[in-house]
Amino acid sequence: MFSKPGRGVALSGYNVLQSLATMNAVTFLLTGCRAWDTVSEALRPRCVSLRHATLADGYVGHYNYYLGVFLESDIPPEYLLLFRQGTSFIVHRDSFYPGCYAFESANFHGYYIRMRDDGYLWIEPEAYTRAYIDAASYNVYEYSTSREYYCFFG
């Protein structure tokens, strides 16, 4: 994943996603919505989850507003619903820039994934500032041979 200025997004301590000046970026696949049965029918076609490309049950989710990669197999059964909601996002196309996407948290409406000034990714309430809009705009590319979709932040 890459930020708007081209910084790679990598795993930091405690599986927190952080932007680094490196090309050792983490790749995520857009997959089916983990909270499909809890989002409204109108939002279901735009609800997705971001799965780690090499961890079969690793999903991008938020904890205390910071984004990290969490393994579904590590989640106790009583927290699975919360896990699925926290790893689901509503995709908005052309929200901030033409051809770019924004990812709204499925369980915190109005909160979007954005890169903070310190390089960490988190969810934050929508703000209509240039800095917020730049940090919450993303490109999504299709990997041509497999019809899988990859997410690059930036």
N, C-alpha and C. Protein backbone atom coordinates (compact mmCIF):
# COMPACT_ATOMS: atom_id res chain seq x y z
N MET A 1 0.85 -1.16 0.00
CA MET A 1 0.00 0.00 0.00
C MET A 1 0.90 1.23 0.00
N PHE A 2 0.45 2.26 -0.67
CA PHE A 2 1.27 3.45 -0.78
C PHE A 2 0.46 4.70 -0.47
N SER A 3 1.08 5.63 0.23
CA SER A 3 0.44 6.89 0.55
C SER A 3 0.50 7.82 -0.65
N LYS A 4 -0.20 8.93 -0.57
CA LYS A 4 -0.21 9.89 -1.67
C LYS A 4 1.20 10.34 -2.06
N PRO A 5 2.09 10.62 -1.06
CA PRO A 5 3.45 10.99 -1.46
C PRO A 5 4.32 9.79 -1.82
N GLY A 6 3.75 8.59 -1.86
CA GLY A 6 4.49 7.42 -2.30
C GLY A 6 5.18 6.65 -1.19
N ARG A 7 4.89 6.95 0.07
CA ARG A 7 5.49 6.21 1.17
C ARG A 7 4.77 4.87 1.31
N GLY A 8 5.52 3.79 1.52
CA GLY A 8 4.92 2.48 1.69
C GLY A 8 4.27 2.35 3.05
N VAL A 9 3.24 1.55 3.14
CA VAL A 9 2.57 1.27 4.41
C VAL A 9 3.02 -0.10 4.86
N ALA A 10 3.55 -0.16 6.08
CA ALA A 10 4.09 -1.41 6.60
C ALA A 10 3.51 -1.70 7.98
N LEU A 11 3.70 -2.94 8.44
CA LEU A 11 3.27 -3.29 9.78
C LEU A 11 4.30 -2.77 10.77
N SER A 12 3.81 -2.14 11.81
CA SER A 12 4.65 -1.64 12.88
C SER A 12 4.40 -2.52 14.10
N GLY A 13 4.83 -2.11 15.26
CA GLY A 13 4.58 -2.87 16.48
C GLY A 13 3.10 -3.08 16.71
N TYR A 14 2.75 -4.20 17.31
CA TYR A 14 1.35 -4.56 17.61
C TYR A 14 0.48 -4.57 16.36
N ASN A 15 1.07 -4.86 15.21
CA ASN A 15 0.34 -4.95 13.95
C ASN A 15 -0.34 -3.66 13.55
N VAL A 16 0.17 -2.53 13.99
CA VAL A 16 -0.38 -1.23 13.60
C VAL A 16 0.20 -0.86 12.26
N LEU A 17 -0.65 -0.31 11.39
CA LEU A 17 -0.20 0.08 10.07
C LEU A 17 0.41 1.46 10.13
N GLN A 18 1.63 1.59 9.58
CA GLN A 18 2.34 2.85 9.60
C GLN A 18 2.98 3.08 8.25
N SER A 19 2.98 4.34 7.81
CA SER A 19 3.62 4.70 6.56
C SER A 19 5.10 4.90 6.80
N LEU A 20 5.90 4.25 5.98
CA LEU A 20 7.35 4.34 6.10
C LEU A 20 7.95 4.75 4.77
N ALA A 21 9.14 5.29 4.82
CA ALA A 21 9.84 5.66 3.59
C ALA A 21 10.52 4.41 3.05
N THR A 22 9.74 3.46 2.59
CA THR A 22 10.26 2.19 2.11
C THR A 22 9.36 1.63 1.03
N MET A 23 9.90 0.77 0.24
CA MET A 23 9.09 0.10 -0.78
C MET A 23 8.65 -1.29 -0.29
N ASN A 24 8.92 -1.63 0.98
CA ASN A 24 8.47 -2.90 1.55
C ASN A 24 7.03 -2.76 2.00
N ALA A 25 6.16 -2.47 1.07
CA ALA A 25 4.76 -2.19 1.39
C ALA A 25 3.99 -3.48 1.58
N VAL A 26 2.91 -3.39 2.34
CA VAL A 26 2.00 -4.50 2.57
C VAL A 26 0.90 -4.44 1.52
N THR A 27 0.52 -5.58 0.98
CA THR A 27 -0.54 -5.65 -0.01
C THR A 27 -1.79 -6.22 0.63
N PHE A 28 -2.93 -5.58 0.32
CA PHE A 28 -4.22 -6.04 0.82
C PHE A 28 -5.15 -6.27 -0.34
N LEU A 29 -6.02 -7.26 -0.19
CA LEU A 29 -7.01 -7.59 -1.21
C LEU A 29 -8.38 -7.11 -0.74
N LEU A 30 -9.14 -6.52 -1.64
CA LEU A 30 -10.52 -6.19 -1.33
C LEU A 30 -11.32 -7.48 -1.38
N THR A 31 -12.00 -7.79 -0.29
CA THR A 31 -12.77 -9.03 -0.22
C THR A 31 -14.20 -8.71 0.18
N GLY A 32 -15.00 -9.74 0.26
CA GLY A 32 -16.39 -9.57 0.67
C GLY A 32 -16.50 -8.99 2.06
N CYS A 33 -17.54 -8.27 2.28
CA CYS A 33 -17.80 -7.57 3.54
C CYS A 33 -17.96 -8.58 4.68
N ARG A 34 -17.16 -8.44 5.74
CA ARG A 34 -17.24 -9.34 6.89
C ARG A 34 -18.50 -9.08 7.72
N ALA A 35 -19.08 -7.87 7.59
CA ALA A 35 -20.28 -7.52 8.36
C ALA A 35 -21.51 -7.44 7.45
N TRP A 36 -21.53 -8.26 6.43
CA TRP A 36 -22.59 -8.24 5.41
C TRP A 36 -23.98 -8.23 6.03
N ASP A 37 -24.19 -9.03 7.03
CA ASP A 37 -25.53 -9.16 7.61
C ASP A 37 -25.89 -8.05 8.60
N THR A 38 -24.96 -7.13 8.87
CA THR A 38 -25.26 -6.05 9.82
C THR A 38 -25.32 -4.67 9.16
N VAL A 39 -24.91 -4.56 7.89
CA VAL A 39 -25.03 -3.28 7.20
C VAL A 39 -26.36 -3.24 6.45
N SER A 40 -26.83 -2.04 6.18
CA SER A 40 -28.11 -1.91 5.50
C SER A 40 -28.03 -2.50 4.09
N GLU A 41 -29.15 -2.94 3.60
CA GLU A 41 -29.21 -3.53 2.27
C GLU A 41 -28.70 -2.57 1.20
N ALA A 42 -28.96 -1.28 1.38
CA ALA A 42 -28.52 -0.28 0.41
C ALA A 42 -27.00 -0.15 0.36
N LEU A 43 -26.32 -0.41 1.49
CA LEU A 43 -24.86 -0.27 1.54
C LEU A 43 -24.12 -1.56 1.19
N ARG A 44 -24.79 -2.69 1.20
CA ARG A 44 -24.12 -3.98 0.96
C ARG A 44 -23.29 -4.04 -0.32
N PRO A 45 -23.77 -3.49 -1.44
CA PRO A 45 -22.95 -3.58 -2.66
C PRO A 45 -21.61 -2.82 -2.55
N ARG A 46 -21.51 -1.87 -1.63
CA ARG A 46 -20.29 -1.09 -1.49
C ARG A 46 -19.50 -1.45 -0.24
N CYS A 47 -19.92 -2.46 0.49
CA CYS A 47 -19.23 -2.87 1.71
C CYS A 47 -18.15 -3.89 1.38
N VAL A 48 -16.93 -3.64 1.86
CA VAL A 48 -15.80 -4.53 1.60
C VAL A 48 -15.00 -4.71 2.89
N SER A 49 -14.13 -5.69 2.86
CA SER A 49 -13.11 -5.86 3.89
C SER A 49 -11.78 -5.91 3.18
N LEU A 50 -10.72 -5.60 3.90
CA LEU A 50 -9.36 -5.62 3.35
C LEU A 50 -8.62 -6.78 4.00
N ARG A 51 -8.30 -7.79 3.19
CA ARG A 51 -7.60 -8.97 3.71
C ARG A 51 -6.13 -8.87 3.36
N HIS A 52 -5.28 -9.22 4.31
CA HIS A 52 -3.84 -9.26 4.10
C HIS A 52 -3.57 -10.29 3.00
N ALA A 53 -2.73 -9.95 2.03
CA ALA A 53 -2.51 -10.81 0.86
C ALA A 53 -1.89 -12.15 1.21
N THR A 54 -1.12 -12.23 2.29
CA THR A 54 -0.45 -13.49 2.61
C THR A 54 -0.96 -14.15 3.89
N LEU A 55 -1.83 -13.48 4.63
CA LEU A 55 -2.43 -14.06 5.84
C LEU A 55 -3.89 -14.33 5.56
N ALA A 56 -4.24 -15.60 5.39
CA ALA A 56 -5.59 -15.97 4.95
C ALA A 56 -6.69 -15.40 5.85
N ASP A 57 -6.45 -15.30 7.16
CA ASP A 57 -7.51 -14.78 8.03
C ASP A 57 -7.09 -13.46 8.67
N GLY A 58 -6.16 -12.74 8.04
CA GLY A 58 -5.71 -11.43 8.53
C GLY A 58 -6.47 -10.31 7.84
N TYR A 59 -7.14 -9.48 8.62
CA TYR A 59 -7.95 -8.40 8.07
C TYR A 59 -7.56 -7.06 8.69
N VAL A 60 -7.66 -6.00 7.88
CA VAL A 60 -7.45 -4.66 8.38
C VAL A 60 -8.67 -4.26 9.19
N GLY A 61 -8.43 -3.83 10.39
CA GLY A 61 -9.50 -3.38 11.26
C GLY A 61 -9.00 -2.28 12.16
N HIS A 62 -9.90 -1.71 12.94
CA HIS A 62 -9.49 -0.63 13.83
C HIS A 62 -9.67 -1.02 15.28
N TYR A 63 -8.74 -0.53 16.08
CA TYR A 63 -8.79 -0.68 17.52
C TYR A 63 -8.32 0.64 18.10
N ASN A 64 -9.16 1.26 18.92
CA ASN A 64 -8.86 2.61 19.43
C ASN A 64 -8.55 3.57 18.28
N TYR A 65 -9.24 3.42 17.19
CA TYR A 65 -9.18 4.25 16.00
C TYR A 65 -7.96 3.97 15.11
N TYR A 66 -6.93 3.32 15.61
CA TYR A 66 -5.77 2.97 14.77
C TYR A 66 -6.08 1.72 13.97
N LEU A 67 -5.55 1.67 12.75
CA LEU A 67 -5.73 0.49 11.93
C LEU A 67 -4.59 -0.48 12.14
N GLY A 68 -4.93 -1.75 12.10
CA GLY A 68 -3.95 -2.82 12.23
C GLY A 68 -4.46 -4.03 11.50
N VAL A 69 -3.65 -5.08 11.48
CA VAL A 69 -4.04 -6.35 10.89
C VAL A 69 -4.34 -7.30 12.03
N PHE A 70 -5.55 -7.86 12.01
CA PHE A 70 -6.00 -8.75 13.06
C PHE A 70 -6.36 -10.10 12.45
N LEU A 71 -6.00 -11.18 13.15
CA LEU A 71 -6.31 -12.52 12.68
C LEU A 71 -7.66 -12.96 13.25
N GLU A 72 -8.55 -13.33 12.36
CA GLU A 72 -9.87 -13.77 12.81
C GLU A 72 -9.77 -14.98 13.72
N SER A 73 -8.79 -15.85 13.48
CA SER A 73 -8.64 -17.06 14.30
C SER A 73 -8.25 -16.73 15.73
N ASP A 74 -7.73 -15.52 16.00
CA ASP A 74 -7.36 -15.11 17.35
C ASP A 74 -8.51 -14.47 18.13
N ILE A 75 -9.64 -14.24 17.47
CA ILE A 75 -10.75 -13.53 18.09
C ILE A 75 -11.65 -14.51 18.83
N PRO A 76 -11.91 -14.26 20.13
CA PRO A 76 -12.84 -15.13 20.87
C PRO A 76 -14.24 -15.05 20.25
N PRO A 77 -15.00 -16.14 20.28
CA PRO A 77 -16.32 -16.17 19.64
C PRO A 77 -17.25 -15.04 20.07
N GLU A 78 -17.18 -14.61 21.32
CA GLU A 78 -18.08 -13.56 21.79
C GLU A 78 -17.75 -12.19 21.19
N TYR A 79 -16.59 -12.05 20.54
CA TYR A 79 -16.20 -10.78 19.93
C TYR A 79 -16.20 -10.83 18.39
N LEU A 80 -16.65 -11.94 17.81
CA LEU A 80 -16.62 -12.08 16.35
C LEU A 80 -17.48 -11.04 15.64
N LEU A 81 -18.65 -10.73 16.16
CA LEU A 81 -19.51 -9.73 15.53
C LEU A 81 -18.82 -8.37 15.51
N LEU A 82 -18.25 -7.97 16.63
CA LEU A 82 -17.53 -6.71 16.71
C LEU A 82 -16.32 -6.71 15.78
N PHE A 83 -15.61 -7.84 15.71
CA PHE A 83 -14.48 -7.97 14.79
C PHE A 83 -14.92 -7.77 13.35
N ARG A 84 -15.99 -8.42 12.97
CA ARG A 84 -16.48 -8.33 11.59
C ARG A 84 -16.93 -6.91 11.24
N GLN A 85 -17.54 -6.23 12.18
CA GLN A 85 -17.95 -4.85 11.94
C GLN A 85 -16.73 -3.93 11.85
N GLY A 86 -15.73 -4.16 12.69
CA GLY A 86 -14.54 -3.32 12.71
C GLY A 86 -13.60 -3.56 11.54
N THR A 87 -13.83 -4.65 10.80
CA THR A 87 -13.00 -4.94 9.63
C THR A 87 -13.79 -4.76 8.33
N SER A 88 -14.87 -4.01 8.38
CA SER A 88 -15.70 -3.76 7.21
C SER A 88 -15.76 -2.26 6.94
N PHE A 89 -15.73 -1.92 5.65
CA PHE A 89 -15.70 -0.52 5.24
C PHE A 89 -16.63 -0.30 4.05
N ILE A 90 -17.24 0.87 4.02
CA ILE A 90 -18.10 1.26 2.90
C ILE A 90 -17.25 2.06 1.92
N VAL A 91 -17.22 1.60 0.68
CA VAL A 91 -16.41 2.26 -0.35
C VAL A 91 -17.21 3.39 -0.98
N HIS A 92 -16.60 4.57 -1.05
CA HIS A 92 -17.19 5.73 -1.71
C HIS A 92 -16.28 6.13 -2.86
N ARG A 93 -16.80 6.11 -4.06
CA ARG A 93 -16.01 6.49 -5.23
C ARG A 93 -16.24 7.97 -5.53
N ASP A 94 -15.18 8.66 -5.91
CA ASP A 94 -15.22 10.07 -6.29
C ASP A 94 -15.69 10.97 -5.15
N SER A 95 -15.51 10.54 -3.91
CA SER A 95 -15.94 11.36 -2.77
C SER A 95 -15.13 12.64 -2.64
N PHE A 96 -13.83 12.51 -2.74
CA PHE A 96 -12.96 13.66 -2.54
C PHE A 96 -12.27 14.09 -3.83
N TYR A 97 -11.82 13.11 -4.63
CA TYR A 97 -11.17 13.38 -5.91
C TYR A 97 -11.75 12.44 -6.96
N PRO A 98 -11.89 12.91 -8.21
CA PRO A 98 -12.36 12.02 -9.28
C PRO A 98 -11.41 10.83 -9.43
N GLY A 99 -11.99 9.65 -9.53
CA GLY A 99 -11.20 8.43 -9.71
C GLY A 99 -10.60 7.88 -8.44
N CYS A 100 -10.77 8.55 -7.32
CA CYS A 100 -10.24 8.06 -6.04
C CYS A 100 -11.37 7.52 -5.18
N TYR A 101 -10.98 6.72 -4.22
CA TYR A 101 -11.93 6.09 -3.33
C TYR A 101 -11.69 6.53 -1.89
N ALA A 102 -12.73 6.48 -1.09
CA ALA A 102 -12.64 6.71 0.34
C ALA A 102 -13.27 5.50 1.03
N PHE A 103 -12.73 5.11 2.17
CA PHE A 103 -13.21 3.96 2.92
C PHE A 103 -13.78 4.41 4.25
N GLU A 104 -15.10 4.30 4.39
CA GLU A 104 -15.79 4.69 5.62
C GLU A 104 -15.97 3.46 6.50
N SER A 105 -15.72 3.62 7.78
CA SER A 105 -15.91 2.52 8.72
C SER A 105 -17.38 2.09 8.72
N ALA A 106 -17.62 0.79 8.67
CA ALA A 106 -19.00 0.28 8.67
C ALA A 106 -19.66 0.45 10.03
N ASN A 107 -18.88 0.48 11.10
CA ASN A 107 -19.50 0.61 12.42
C ASN A 107 -19.27 1.97 13.08
N PHE A 108 -18.53 2.86 12.44
CA PHE A 108 -18.40 4.24 12.89
C PHE A 108 -18.72 5.13 11.69
N HIS A 109 -19.99 5.37 11.47
CA HIS A 109 -20.42 6.14 10.30
C HIS A 109 -19.82 7.54 10.35
N GLY A 110 -19.32 7.98 9.17
CA GLY A 110 -18.71 9.29 9.08
C GLY A 110 -17.22 9.28 9.41
N TYR A 111 -16.67 8.12 9.80
CA TYR A 111 -15.24 7.98 10.07
C TYR A 111 -14.60 7.28 8.88
N TYR A 112 -13.54 7.87 8.36
CA TYR A 112 -12.86 7.34 7.17
C TYR A 112 -11.42 6.96 7.49
N ILE A 113 -10.92 5.96 6.76
CA ILE A 113 -9.50 5.62 6.87
C ILE A 113 -8.70 6.79 6.33
N ARG A 114 -7.72 7.23 7.10
CA ARG A 114 -6.83 8.27 6.61
C ARG A 114 -5.47 8.11 7.27
N MET A 115 -4.46 8.67 6.61
CA MET A 115 -3.12 8.62 7.15
C MET A 115 -2.87 9.88 7.97
N ARG A 116 -2.51 9.67 9.22
CA ARG A 116 -2.20 10.81 10.09
C ARG A 116 -0.86 11.42 9.70
N ASP A 117 -0.60 12.60 10.22
CA ASP A 117 0.66 13.28 9.94
C ASP A 117 1.86 12.49 10.43
N ASP A 118 1.67 11.67 11.49
CA ASP A 118 2.79 10.86 12.01
C ASP A 118 2.98 9.56 11.23
N GLY A 119 2.18 9.36 10.17
CA GLY A 119 2.35 8.19 9.31
C GLY A 119 1.46 7.01 9.66
N TYR A 120 0.78 7.04 10.80
CA TYR A 120 -0.10 5.94 11.16
C TYR A 120 -1.44 6.06 10.46
N LEU A 121 -2.01 4.92 10.12
CA LEU A 121 -3.35 4.89 9.54
C LEU A 121 -4.36 4.72 10.67
N TRP A 122 -5.46 5.45 10.56
CA TRP A 122 -6.52 5.34 11.54
C TRP A 122 -7.82 5.78 10.93
N ILE A 123 -8.92 5.64 11.68
CA ILE A 123 -10.19 6.16 11.22
C ILE A 123 -10.45 7.46 11.97
N GLU A 124 -10.99 8.44 11.26
CA GLU A 124 -11.20 9.76 11.83
C GLU A 124 -12.45 10.36 11.22
N PRO A 125 -13.19 11.17 11.99
CA PRO A 125 -14.39 11.80 11.43
C PRO A 125 -14.05 12.65 10.22
N GLU A 126 -14.96 12.65 9.27
CA GLU A 126 -14.77 13.42 8.05
C GLU A 126 -14.55 14.90 8.37
N ALA A 127 -13.55 15.48 7.72
CA ALA A 127 -13.26 16.91 7.85
C ALA A 127 -13.03 17.45 6.45
N TYR A 128 -13.48 18.63 6.20
CA TYR A 128 -13.38 19.18 4.85
C TYR A 128 -12.17 20.09 4.71
N THR A 129 -11.00 19.56 5.07
CA THR A 129 -9.76 20.29 4.88
C THR A 129 -8.94 19.60 3.80
N ARG A 130 -8.06 20.32 3.17
CA ARG A 130 -7.21 19.74 2.12
C ARG A 130 -6.38 18.59 2.69
N ALA A 131 -5.83 18.78 3.88
CA ALA A 131 -5.00 17.74 4.49
C ALA A 131 -5.81 16.45 4.72
N TYR A 132 -7.04 16.60 5.21
CA TYR A 132 -7.87 15.43 5.45
C TYR A 132 -8.21 14.74 4.13
N ILE A 133 -8.64 15.51 3.16
CA ILE A 133 -9.05 14.96 1.87
C ILE A 133 -7.88 14.23 1.20
N ASP A 134 -6.69 14.83 1.23
CA ASP A 134 -5.52 14.17 0.65
C ASP A 134 -5.22 12.85 1.35
N ALA A 135 -5.33 12.85 2.67
CA ALA A 135 -4.96 11.68 3.47
C ALA A 135 -6.04 10.60 3.48
N ALA A 136 -7.22 10.89 2.97
CA ALA A 136 -8.31 9.91 2.96
C ALA A 136 -8.69 9.49 1.54
N SER A 137 -7.85 9.77 0.56
CA SER A 137 -8.11 9.41 -0.84
C SER A 137 -7.20 8.27 -1.26
N TYR A 138 -7.77 7.29 -1.95
CA TYR A 138 -7.04 6.07 -2.27
C TYR A 138 -7.26 5.66 -3.72
N ASN A 139 -6.30 4.89 -4.23
CA ASN A 139 -6.43 4.28 -5.55
C ASN A 139 -6.59 2.78 -5.37
N VAL A 140 -7.42 2.16 -6.18
CA VAL A 140 -7.63 0.72 -6.15
C VAL A 140 -7.33 0.19 -7.54
N TYR A 141 -6.52 -0.85 -7.60
CA TYR A 141 -6.12 -1.41 -8.88
C TYR A 141 -6.51 -2.88 -8.97
N GLU A 142 -6.89 -3.29 -10.16
CA GLU A 142 -7.21 -4.70 -10.40
C GLU A 142 -5.95 -5.40 -10.84
N TYR A 143 -5.67 -6.53 -10.21
CA TYR A 143 -4.55 -7.36 -10.62
C TYR A 143 -5.04 -8.17 -11.80
N SER A 144 -4.47 -7.97 -12.96
CA SER A 144 -5.05 -8.39 -14.24
C SER A 144 -5.22 -9.90 -14.41
N THR A 145 -4.38 -10.73 -13.83
CA THR A 145 -4.50 -12.16 -14.11
C THR A 145 -5.47 -12.89 -13.19
N SER A 146 -5.81 -12.30 -12.06
CA SER A 146 -6.64 -13.04 -11.12
C SER A 146 -7.99 -12.41 -10.81
N ARG A 147 -8.25 -11.23 -11.35
CA ARG A 147 -9.48 -10.49 -11.08
C ARG A 147 -9.60 -10.15 -9.59
N GLU A 148 -8.46 -10.12 -8.89
CA GLU A 148 -8.46 -9.67 -7.50
C GLU A 148 -8.17 -8.19 -7.48
N TYR A 149 -8.66 -7.49 -6.49
CA TYR A 149 -8.45 -6.05 -6.39
C TYR A 149 -7.50 -5.75 -5.25
N TYR A 150 -6.52 -4.95 -5.55
CA TYR A 150 -5.51 -4.55 -4.58
C TYR A 150 -5.73 -3.11 -4.20
N CYS A 151 -5.45 -2.81 -2.95
CA CYS A 151 -5.64 -1.46 -2.46
C CYS A 151 -4.30 -0.80 -2.21
N PHE A 152 -4.09 0.36 -2.80
CA PHE A 152 -2.90 1.16 -2.58
C PHE A 152 -3.34 2.48 -2.00
N PHE A 153 -2.89 2.79 -0.81
CA PHE A 153 -3.29 4.05 -0.18
C PHE A 153 -2.54 5.18 -0.82
N GLY A 154 -3.30 6.21 -1.23
CA GLY A 154 -2.68 7.39 -1.82
C GLY A 154 -3.50 7.94 -2.95
